[in-house]
Structures are given as structure tokens and as C-alpha cells.
Amino acid sequence: MTTPTLPDGRPIPHFSGDERAMLDSWLDFHRATLELKVRDLDDAQVRAAVAEPSELTLLGLVQHLAEVERNWFQRTVARLDVPPVYGAENESGYGLDPGRGLDEALDVWRREVARGRELCGGLSLEHTGRIPEGPMAGVEVSFRWVLIHLIEEYARHNGHADILRERIDGVTGA
């Protein structure tokens, strides 16, 4: 069965049904929204910090969300000892490298999404992981909590992306 989509190509989240499938569909919707926000922009546009005084950029958001995917699905849920995607000096992912553009950042992000799906595909919502570091290091969290947190994280950052995109070229919505 084909997943129904919006005119812009994003998958429509499930309106009812299994909780895991519903959570996955909302996360997929927000992932697709991130991709929509950077579609058809050039390198200068995705590097532009256009909402002063913030230094936030669309490229930085894509990189940050690659780090988020790795941290929560690989390090927390699967309890793997993997380094930050963009290195210890850029753990947040927001730092920009002049040699890394949007295509590369999207490829990295997509690989992190795919790896998370691979590791977590068969897990129950009750599966527990452990936060590896930071102020909540050692706290056990359910996979359900992680999915809800990732939906919230993407939704918040997609709101940031809405503002940045509007400032760049006037595109709004979605």
C-alpha cells in the first residue's frame, strides 16, 4: 500500500491505528518537512544567518539533525559508542565547514536516518535505552519517549527553518 502524500510530496501522518506506526509516520512527516525547507536553495542561501542576532542557518539545522538522529537512535537507544557525526569540536552540528555543502550534509543526514531505522525497526516502544552523557547521563528512557522527543525536536527546528526560509526567499508555509 502506498503512503498518501501532500501535494508537496510529504507523507501524510497516520490519523489512526497502531501507536508505533503513528509515531513513525509523524517523524517521517517532520523529516520530509526539513527536506522541503532546503529544497531549491543554493549554497550561499543555506549558509545565510538571516534572522539576526541568531547565527542559525538552514545548513546548520540539517547537520544538527544528523547529530540528533545519531545521538538518540544509535547512542541512546542502541547504546552504541559512536562519535559525533561532525567531530568532537562540532558536537551540535551547527558549525559550518566551507568545504561541506548542502548535498553532502543531506547525504550524511539521510545515512543517519537510515541507520536509526535499521537499528530500531523491530524495537518495541517499551524498549529502554540510556542517555550516554550530559546533565541526564545514565537516565533510562523508553523508545516511545525517544520517538516523541524526536518529533518535538524536528517540529521545533522546522519552525526555525520556516523563519529562515521566509527571510531567504519569501517562501512560507508547510
N, C-alpha and C. Protein backbone atom coordinates (compact mmCIF):
# COMPACT_ATOMS: atom_id res chain seq x y z
N MET A 1 0.84 -1.18 0.00
CA MET A 1 0.00 0.00 0.00
C MET A 1 0.89 1.25 0.00
N THR A 2 0.54 2.20 -0.81
CA THR A 2 1.29 3.43 -0.93
C THR A 2 0.87 4.41 0.16
N THR A 3 1.84 5.09 0.75
CA THR A 3 1.55 6.10 1.76
C THR A 3 1.00 7.33 1.06
N PRO A 4 -0.16 7.84 1.50
CA PRO A 4 -0.70 9.06 0.88
C PRO A 4 0.22 10.25 1.17
N THR A 5 0.30 11.15 0.20
CA THR A 5 1.19 12.30 0.34
C THR A 5 0.44 13.60 0.10
N LEU A 6 1.04 14.65 0.61
CA LEU A 6 0.56 16.00 0.35
C LEU A 6 1.02 16.42 -1.05
N PRO A 7 0.44 17.47 -1.63
CA PRO A 7 0.88 17.91 -2.96
C PRO A 7 2.38 18.19 -3.06
N ASP A 8 3.01 18.57 -1.94
CA ASP A 8 4.45 18.86 -1.97
C ASP A 8 5.31 17.60 -1.81
N GLY A 9 4.66 16.43 -1.70
CA GLY A 9 5.38 15.16 -1.64
C GLY A 9 5.59 14.59 -0.24
N ARG A 10 5.29 15.37 0.79
CA ARG A 10 5.49 14.85 2.15
C ARG A 10 4.43 13.80 2.49
N PRO A 11 4.84 12.75 3.24
CA PRO A 11 3.86 11.73 3.63
C PRO A 11 2.88 12.29 4.66
N ILE A 12 1.63 11.92 4.52
CA ILE A 12 0.61 12.35 5.48
C ILE A 12 0.69 11.43 6.70
N PRO A 13 0.86 12.00 7.89
CA PRO A 13 0.91 11.15 9.09
C PRO A 13 -0.41 10.39 9.29
N HIS A 14 -0.30 9.20 9.87
CA HIS A 14 -1.49 8.38 10.12
C HIS A 14 -2.47 9.12 11.04
N PHE A 15 -3.74 8.97 10.76
CA PHE A 15 -4.78 9.57 11.59
C PHE A 15 -5.27 8.63 12.68
N SER A 16 -5.01 7.35 12.51
CA SER A 16 -5.42 6.35 13.50
C SER A 16 -4.57 5.11 13.30
N GLY A 17 -4.74 4.17 14.23
CA GLY A 17 -4.04 2.90 14.09
C GLY A 17 -3.01 2.67 15.16
N ASP A 18 -2.11 1.78 14.85
CA ASP A 18 -1.06 1.35 15.75
C ASP A 18 -0.20 2.54 16.21
N GLU A 19 0.09 2.58 17.50
CA GLU A 19 0.85 3.70 18.06
C GLU A 19 2.23 3.83 17.44
N ARG A 20 2.95 2.73 17.28
CA ARG A 20 4.30 2.79 16.71
C ARG A 20 4.26 3.34 15.29
N ALA A 21 3.33 2.84 14.50
CA ALA A 21 3.21 3.30 13.11
C ALA A 21 2.85 4.79 13.08
N MET A 22 2.01 5.21 14.00
CA MET A 22 1.61 6.62 14.05
C MET A 22 2.81 7.50 14.42
N LEU A 23 3.57 7.11 15.42
CA LEU A 23 4.75 7.89 15.82
C LEU A 23 5.77 7.93 14.68
N ASP A 24 6.02 6.78 14.05
CA ASP A 24 6.96 6.74 12.92
C ASP A 24 6.48 7.66 11.80
N SER A 25 5.18 7.66 11.53
CA SER A 25 4.67 8.49 10.42
C SER A 25 4.80 9.97 10.72
N TRP A 26 4.63 10.36 11.98
CA TRP A 26 4.82 11.78 12.33
C TRP A 26 6.30 12.17 12.23
N LEU A 27 7.19 11.29 12.63
CA LEU A 27 8.61 11.59 12.50
C LEU A 27 8.99 11.69 11.03
N ASP A 28 8.48 10.78 10.20
CA ASP A 28 8.76 10.84 8.76
C ASP A 28 8.22 12.14 8.14
N PHE A 29 7.05 12.57 8.58
CA PHE A 29 6.48 13.83 8.10
C PHE A 29 7.42 15.00 8.42
N HIS A 30 7.92 15.04 9.64
CA HIS A 30 8.80 16.16 10.02
C HIS A 30 10.16 16.07 9.34
N ARG A 31 10.65 14.87 9.12
CA ARG A 31 11.89 14.73 8.35
C ARG A 31 11.70 15.26 6.93
N ALA A 32 10.58 14.91 6.32
CA ALA A 32 10.29 15.39 4.96
C ALA A 32 10.10 16.91 4.93
N THR A 33 9.57 17.47 6.01
CA THR A 33 9.41 18.91 6.09
C THR A 33 10.77 19.60 6.11
N LEU A 34 11.73 19.03 6.83
CA LEU A 34 13.09 19.60 6.82
C LEU A 34 13.63 19.63 5.40
N GLU A 35 13.49 18.52 4.68
CA GLU A 35 13.99 18.49 3.31
C GLU A 35 13.28 19.52 2.43
N LEU A 36 11.99 19.68 2.64
CA LEU A 36 11.23 20.68 1.88
C LEU A 36 11.76 22.09 2.13
N LYS A 37 12.16 22.37 3.36
CA LYS A 37 12.62 23.72 3.72
C LYS A 37 13.92 24.10 3.04
N VAL A 38 14.73 23.11 2.63
CA VAL A 38 16.01 23.43 1.99
C VAL A 38 15.97 23.18 0.48
N ARG A 39 14.85 22.72 -0.02
CA ARG A 39 14.73 22.40 -1.45
C ARG A 39 14.92 23.66 -2.30
N ASP A 40 15.67 23.49 -3.38
CA ASP A 40 15.86 24.55 -4.39
C ASP A 40 16.64 25.76 -3.90
N LEU A 41 17.43 25.60 -2.84
CA LEU A 41 18.27 26.70 -2.37
C LEU A 41 19.72 26.42 -2.75
N ASP A 42 20.48 27.49 -2.96
CA ASP A 42 21.90 27.32 -3.28
C ASP A 42 22.73 27.37 -2.00
N ASP A 43 24.03 27.14 -2.16
CA ASP A 43 24.93 27.04 -1.03
C ASP A 43 24.95 28.31 -0.19
N ALA A 44 24.98 29.45 -0.85
CA ALA A 44 25.01 30.72 -0.11
C ALA A 44 23.73 30.89 0.70
N GLN A 45 22.61 30.50 0.15
CA GLN A 45 21.33 30.67 0.86
C GLN A 45 21.26 29.79 2.10
N VAL A 46 21.69 28.53 2.01
CA VAL A 46 21.59 27.65 3.18
C VAL A 46 22.63 27.97 4.24
N ARG A 47 23.64 28.75 3.88
CA ARG A 47 24.66 29.19 4.84
C ARG A 47 24.32 30.54 5.47
N ALA A 48 23.31 31.20 4.98
CA ALA A 48 22.99 32.56 5.42
C ALA A 48 22.32 32.56 6.79
N ALA A 49 22.89 33.34 7.70
CA ALA A 49 22.28 33.58 9.02
C ALA A 49 21.42 34.83 8.87
N VAL A 50 20.15 34.64 8.55
CA VAL A 50 19.29 35.75 8.13
C VAL A 50 18.32 36.23 9.21
N ALA A 51 18.40 35.66 10.40
CA ALA A 51 17.48 36.05 11.49
C ALA A 51 18.30 36.57 12.66
N GLU A 52 18.96 37.69 12.41
CA GLU A 52 19.82 38.30 13.43
C GLU A 52 19.03 38.56 14.71
N PRO A 53 19.65 38.42 15.87
CA PRO A 53 21.07 38.19 16.11
C PRO A 53 21.48 36.72 16.07
N SER A 54 20.55 35.82 15.80
CA SER A 54 20.88 34.39 15.75
C SER A 54 21.86 34.11 14.61
N GLU A 55 22.73 33.13 14.83
CA GLU A 55 23.66 32.68 13.79
C GLU A 55 23.16 31.39 13.14
N LEU A 56 21.91 31.01 13.42
CA LEU A 56 21.33 29.78 12.90
C LEU A 56 21.21 29.83 11.38
N THR A 57 21.54 28.70 10.73
CA THR A 57 21.43 28.58 9.28
C THR A 57 20.68 27.30 8.94
N LEU A 58 20.14 27.24 7.73
CA LEU A 58 19.47 26.01 7.30
C LEU A 58 20.46 24.86 7.18
N LEU A 59 21.66 25.13 6.70
CA LEU A 59 22.68 24.08 6.62
C LEU A 59 23.03 23.57 8.02
N GLY A 60 23.17 24.48 8.96
CA GLY A 60 23.44 24.10 10.34
C GLY A 60 22.33 23.24 10.92
N LEU A 61 21.07 23.54 10.57
CA LEU A 61 19.96 22.73 11.07
C LEU A 61 20.02 21.31 10.51
N VAL A 62 20.33 21.16 9.23
CA VAL A 62 20.43 19.81 8.64
C VAL A 62 21.53 19.04 9.35
N GLN A 63 22.67 19.67 9.55
CA GLN A 63 23.79 18.99 10.23
C GLN A 63 23.42 18.66 11.67
N HIS A 64 22.78 19.60 12.36
CA HIS A 64 22.38 19.36 13.75
C HIS A 64 21.43 18.16 13.84
N LEU A 65 20.49 18.08 12.92
CA LEU A 65 19.53 16.98 12.99
C LEU A 65 20.17 15.64 12.62
N ALA A 66 21.25 15.64 11.86
CA ALA A 66 22.02 14.40 11.68
C ALA A 66 22.62 13.97 13.01
N GLU A 67 23.15 14.94 13.76
CA GLU A 67 23.70 14.64 15.10
C GLU A 67 22.60 14.14 16.03
N VAL A 68 21.43 14.75 15.96
CA VAL A 68 20.29 14.35 16.79
C VAL A 68 19.90 12.90 16.48
N GLU A 69 19.80 12.57 15.21
CA GLU A 69 19.46 11.20 14.80
C GLU A 69 20.47 10.21 15.39
N ARG A 70 21.76 10.52 15.22
CA ARG A 70 22.80 9.61 15.72
C ARG A 70 22.72 9.51 17.25
N ASN A 71 22.63 10.62 17.92
CA ASN A 71 22.66 10.62 19.38
C ASN A 71 21.52 9.80 19.97
N TRP A 72 20.31 10.04 19.49
CA TRP A 72 19.17 9.38 20.13
C TRP A 72 18.98 7.93 19.68
N PHE A 73 19.15 7.65 18.39
CA PHE A 73 18.90 6.28 17.95
C PHE A 73 20.10 5.36 18.12
N GLN A 74 21.29 5.83 17.80
CA GLN A 74 22.46 4.96 17.92
C GLN A 74 23.03 4.97 19.33
N ARG A 75 23.29 6.16 19.86
CA ARG A 75 23.98 6.23 21.15
C ARG A 75 23.04 5.93 22.31
N THR A 76 21.82 6.45 22.28
CA THR A 76 20.91 6.27 23.41
C THR A 76 20.13 4.96 23.31
N VAL A 77 19.37 4.77 22.22
CA VAL A 77 18.51 3.59 22.11
C VAL A 77 19.33 2.31 21.92
N ALA A 78 20.26 2.32 20.96
CA ALA A 78 21.03 1.12 20.66
C ALA A 78 22.27 0.98 21.55
N ARG A 79 22.57 2.03 22.31
CA ARG A 79 23.70 2.03 23.26
C ARG A 79 25.04 1.76 22.57
N LEU A 80 25.20 2.31 21.37
CA LEU A 80 26.45 2.17 20.64
C LEU A 80 27.40 3.29 21.01
N ASP A 81 28.67 3.00 21.00
CA ASP A 81 29.70 4.01 21.29
C ASP A 81 30.19 4.56 19.95
N VAL A 82 29.48 5.54 19.43
CA VAL A 82 29.85 6.16 18.16
C VAL A 82 30.15 7.64 18.41
N PRO A 83 31.10 8.20 17.66
CA PRO A 83 31.48 9.60 17.86
C PRO A 83 30.44 10.54 17.23
N PRO A 84 30.50 11.82 17.58
CA PRO A 84 29.63 12.79 16.91
C PRO A 84 29.88 12.76 15.39
N VAL A 85 28.85 12.97 14.62
CA VAL A 85 28.93 12.94 13.16
C VAL A 85 29.99 13.91 12.65
N TYR A 86 29.98 15.13 13.17
CA TYR A 86 30.86 16.18 12.67
C TYR A 86 32.06 16.43 13.58
N GLY A 87 32.35 15.48 14.45
CA GLY A 87 33.54 15.55 15.29
C GLY A 87 33.29 16.20 16.64
N ALA A 88 34.20 15.95 17.56
CA ALA A 88 34.08 16.44 18.93
C ALA A 88 34.07 17.96 19.00
N GLU A 89 34.70 18.62 18.04
CA GLU A 89 34.76 20.09 18.05
C GLU A 89 33.46 20.71 17.52
N ASN A 90 32.55 19.88 16.99
CA ASN A 90 31.28 20.38 16.45
C ASN A 90 30.16 19.41 16.82
N GLU A 91 30.07 19.07 18.11
CA GLU A 91 29.09 18.09 18.58
C GLU A 91 27.65 18.48 18.30
N SER A 92 27.37 19.77 18.26
CA SER A 92 26.00 20.21 17.99
C SER A 92 25.66 20.09 16.50
N GLY A 93 26.69 20.12 15.64
CA GLY A 93 26.47 20.08 14.20
C GLY A 93 26.22 21.43 13.57
N TYR A 94 26.06 22.45 14.37
CA TYR A 94 25.72 23.77 13.82
C TYR A 94 26.89 24.45 13.10
N GLY A 95 28.12 24.09 13.45
CA GLY A 95 29.28 24.71 12.83
C GLY A 95 29.37 24.36 11.35
N LEU A 96 29.67 25.35 10.53
CA LEU A 96 29.74 25.15 9.08
C LEU A 96 31.19 25.00 8.64
N ASP A 97 31.39 24.12 7.68
CA ASP A 97 32.70 23.90 7.08
C ASP A 97 32.61 24.41 5.64
N PRO A 98 33.54 25.28 5.22
CA PRO A 98 33.47 25.82 3.85
C PRO A 98 33.47 24.74 2.77
N GLY A 99 34.03 23.58 3.06
CA GLY A 99 34.10 22.51 2.08
C GLY A 99 32.91 21.58 2.06
N ARG A 100 31.97 21.76 2.97
CA ARG A 100 30.81 20.87 3.05
C ARG A 100 29.56 21.65 2.73
N GLY A 101 28.91 21.26 1.64
CA GLY A 101 27.68 21.93 1.22
C GLY A 101 26.43 21.15 1.58
N LEU A 102 25.33 21.62 1.08
CA LEU A 102 24.03 21.03 1.41
C LEU A 102 23.90 19.60 0.91
N ASP A 103 24.34 19.31 -0.30
CA ASP A 103 24.18 17.94 -0.81
C ASP A 103 24.88 16.93 0.10
N GLU A 104 26.10 17.26 0.51
CA GLU A 104 26.83 16.35 1.40
C GLU A 104 26.14 16.25 2.75
N ALA A 105 25.70 17.38 3.30
CA ALA A 105 25.02 17.36 4.60
C ALA A 105 23.73 16.55 4.54
N LEU A 106 22.97 16.67 3.45
CA LEU A 106 21.75 15.88 3.31
C LEU A 106 22.07 14.39 3.17
N ASP A 107 23.13 14.06 2.44
CA ASP A 107 23.54 12.65 2.34
C ASP A 107 23.88 12.08 3.70
N VAL A 108 24.64 12.84 4.49
CA VAL A 108 25.02 12.40 5.84
C VAL A 108 23.76 12.22 6.69
N TRP A 109 22.88 13.21 6.66
CA TRP A 109 21.63 13.16 7.43
C TRP A 109 20.81 11.94 7.03
N ARG A 110 20.67 11.70 5.72
CA ARG A 110 19.90 10.54 5.25
C ARG A 110 20.52 9.22 5.72
N ARG A 111 21.85 9.15 5.74
CA ARG A 111 22.52 7.95 6.25
C ARG A 111 22.22 7.74 7.73
N GLU A 112 22.22 8.83 8.49
CA GLU A 112 21.91 8.72 9.93
C GLU A 112 20.46 8.27 10.13
N VAL A 113 19.54 8.80 9.34
CA VAL A 113 18.14 8.37 9.41
C VAL A 113 18.04 6.88 9.09
N ALA A 114 18.69 6.45 8.02
CA ALA A 114 18.64 5.04 7.61
C ALA A 114 19.24 4.13 8.68
N ARG A 115 20.35 4.54 9.28
CA ARG A 115 20.98 3.73 10.33
C ARG A 115 20.06 3.62 11.54
N GLY A 116 19.42 4.70 11.91
CA GLY A 116 18.48 4.65 13.03
C GLY A 116 17.32 3.72 12.74
N ARG A 117 16.80 3.77 11.53
CA ARG A 117 15.71 2.87 11.14
C ARG A 117 16.16 1.42 11.21
N GLU A 118 17.37 1.16 10.74
CA GLU A 118 17.91 -0.19 10.75
C GLU A 118 18.03 -0.72 12.18
N LEU A 119 18.55 0.09 13.08
CA LEU A 119 18.76 -0.34 14.45
C LEU A 119 17.47 -0.45 15.26
N CYS A 120 16.49 0.38 14.94
CA CYS A 120 15.30 0.48 15.79
C CYS A 120 14.04 -0.11 15.17
N GLY A 121 14.14 -0.59 13.94
CA GLY A 121 12.96 -1.06 13.23
C GLY A 121 12.11 -2.07 13.96
N GLY A 122 12.72 -3.00 14.64
CA GLY A 122 11.97 -4.06 15.30
C GLY A 122 11.75 -3.86 16.79
N LEU A 123 12.16 -2.71 17.30
CA LEU A 123 12.05 -2.49 18.75
C LEU A 123 10.62 -2.18 19.18
N SER A 124 10.30 -2.62 20.39
CA SER A 124 9.01 -2.25 20.97
C SER A 124 9.12 -0.84 21.56
N LEU A 125 8.01 -0.20 21.73
CA LEU A 125 8.01 1.13 22.33
C LEU A 125 8.49 1.10 23.77
N GLU A 126 8.44 -0.06 24.40
CA GLU A 126 8.87 -0.19 25.80
C GLU A 126 10.37 -0.44 25.93
N HIS A 127 11.04 -0.72 24.83
CA HIS A 127 12.50 -0.91 24.87
C HIS A 127 13.14 0.30 25.55
N THR A 128 14.15 0.06 26.37
CA THR A 128 14.81 1.19 27.03
C THR A 128 16.24 1.35 26.56
N GLY A 129 16.61 2.61 26.44
CA GLY A 129 17.97 2.99 26.16
C GLY A 129 18.49 3.80 27.33
N ARG A 130 19.70 4.26 27.21
CA ARG A 130 20.30 5.03 28.30
C ARG A 130 20.98 6.27 27.72
N ILE A 131 20.66 7.44 28.28
CA ILE A 131 21.27 8.68 27.83
C ILE A 131 22.75 8.61 28.18
N PRO A 132 23.64 8.75 27.16
CA PRO A 132 25.06 8.49 27.40
C PRO A 132 25.83 9.61 28.10
N GLU A 133 25.39 10.85 27.96
CA GLU A 133 26.18 11.94 28.55
C GLU A 133 25.30 13.16 28.76
N GLY A 134 25.91 14.19 29.31
CA GLY A 134 25.18 15.42 29.57
C GLY A 134 24.54 15.42 30.94
N PRO A 135 23.66 16.39 31.19
CA PRO A 135 23.08 16.53 32.53
C PRO A 135 22.18 15.36 32.94
N MET A 136 21.71 14.58 31.96
CA MET A 136 20.86 13.43 32.28
C MET A 136 21.58 12.10 32.00
N ALA A 137 22.91 12.12 31.98
CA ALA A 137 23.69 10.91 31.69
C ALA A 137 23.27 9.78 32.62
N GLY A 138 23.07 8.61 32.02
CA GLY A 138 22.72 7.42 32.78
C GLY A 138 21.23 7.19 32.95
N VAL A 139 20.40 8.19 32.63
CA VAL A 139 18.95 8.03 32.77
C VAL A 139 18.43 7.08 31.69
N GLU A 140 17.61 6.12 32.11
CA GLU A 140 16.98 5.22 31.15
C GLU A 140 15.74 5.89 30.57
N VAL A 141 15.57 5.73 29.26
CA VAL A 141 14.41 6.29 28.56
C VAL A 141 13.82 5.23 27.65
N SER A 142 12.51 5.25 27.52
CA SER A 142 11.86 4.29 26.63
C SER A 142 12.02 4.75 25.18
N PHE A 143 11.93 3.79 24.28
CA PHE A 143 11.96 4.11 22.86
C PHE A 143 10.79 5.02 22.50
N ARG A 144 9.65 4.82 23.14
CA ARG A 144 8.49 5.70 22.95
C ARG A 144 8.88 7.15 23.26
N TRP A 145 9.55 7.37 24.40
CA TRP A 145 9.97 8.72 24.80
C TRP A 145 10.89 9.32 23.74
N VAL A 146 11.82 8.50 23.23
CA VAL A 146 12.77 8.99 22.22
C VAL A 146 12.01 9.41 20.95
N LEU A 147 11.07 8.60 20.50
CA LEU A 147 10.31 8.97 19.30
C LEU A 147 9.53 10.26 19.51
N ILE A 148 8.89 10.39 20.66
CA ILE A 148 8.14 11.62 20.94
C ILE A 148 9.09 12.81 21.00
N HIS A 149 10.24 12.62 21.64
CA HIS A 149 11.22 13.71 21.72
C HIS A 149 11.71 14.11 20.33
N LEU A 150 11.97 13.14 19.45
CA LEU A 150 12.45 13.46 18.10
C LEU A 150 11.38 14.19 17.30
N ILE A 151 10.12 13.82 17.45
CA ILE A 151 9.03 14.54 16.77
C ILE A 151 9.02 15.98 17.25
N GLU A 152 9.14 16.19 18.55
CA GLU A 152 9.18 17.54 19.12
C GLU A 152 10.39 18.31 18.62
N GLU A 153 11.53 17.67 18.60
CA GLU A 153 12.77 18.33 18.16
C GLU A 153 12.68 18.77 16.70
N TYR A 154 12.22 17.87 15.85
CA TYR A 154 12.06 18.23 14.43
C TYR A 154 11.02 19.34 14.27
N ALA A 155 9.90 19.25 14.97
CA ALA A 155 8.86 20.26 14.83
C ALA A 155 9.40 21.64 15.24
N ARG A 156 10.13 21.68 16.33
CA ARG A 156 10.71 22.95 16.79
C ARG A 156 11.69 23.51 15.77
N HIS A 157 12.59 22.65 15.29
CA HIS A 157 13.58 23.13 14.33
C HIS A 157 12.97 23.43 12.97
N ASN A 158 11.90 22.73 12.60
CA ASN A 158 11.22 23.08 11.36
C ASN A 158 10.56 24.46 11.47
N GLY A 159 10.14 24.83 12.67
CA GLY A 159 9.65 26.20 12.88
C GLY A 159 10.76 27.21 12.65
N HIS A 160 11.96 26.89 13.15
CA HIS A 160 13.11 27.76 12.88
C HIS A 160 13.36 27.84 11.38
N ALA A 161 13.30 26.68 10.72
CA ALA A 161 13.54 26.63 9.28
C ALA A 161 12.51 27.45 8.51
N ASP A 162 11.25 27.46 8.99
CA ASP A 162 10.21 28.29 8.36
C ASP A 162 10.64 29.76 8.34
N ILE A 163 11.11 30.23 9.48
CA ILE A 163 11.51 31.63 9.59
C ILE A 163 12.71 31.91 8.69
N LEU A 164 13.72 31.04 8.73
CA LEU A 164 14.90 31.25 7.90
C LEU A 164 14.54 31.24 6.42
N ARG A 165 13.74 30.29 6.00
CA ARG A 165 13.37 30.20 4.58
C ARG A 165 12.59 31.44 4.14
N GLU A 166 11.68 31.89 4.97
CA GLU A 166 10.93 33.11 4.61
C GLU A 166 11.87 34.30 4.46
N ARG A 167 12.84 34.41 5.34
CA ARG A 167 13.80 35.52 5.26
C ARG A 167 14.70 35.41 4.03
N ILE A 168 14.98 34.19 3.60
CA ILE A 168 15.86 33.97 2.45
C ILE A 168 15.17 34.33 1.14
N ASP A 169 13.99 33.76 0.91
CA ASP A 169 13.36 33.95 -0.40
C ASP A 169 11.85 34.17 -0.36
N GLY A 170 11.30 34.37 0.83
CA GLY A 170 9.87 34.66 0.93
C GLY A 170 8.96 33.45 0.95
N VAL A 171 9.51 32.24 0.80
CA VAL A 171 8.68 31.04 0.81
C VAL A 171 8.19 30.80 2.23
N THR A 172 6.88 30.58 2.36
CA THR A 172 6.27 30.35 3.67
C THR A 172 5.44 29.08 3.65
N GLY A 173 5.04 28.66 4.84
CA GLY A 173 4.12 27.55 4.97
C GLY A 173 4.80 26.20 5.05
N ALA A 174 3.97 25.19 5.12
CA ALA A 174 4.37 23.79 5.19
C ALA A 174 5.04 23.52 6.50
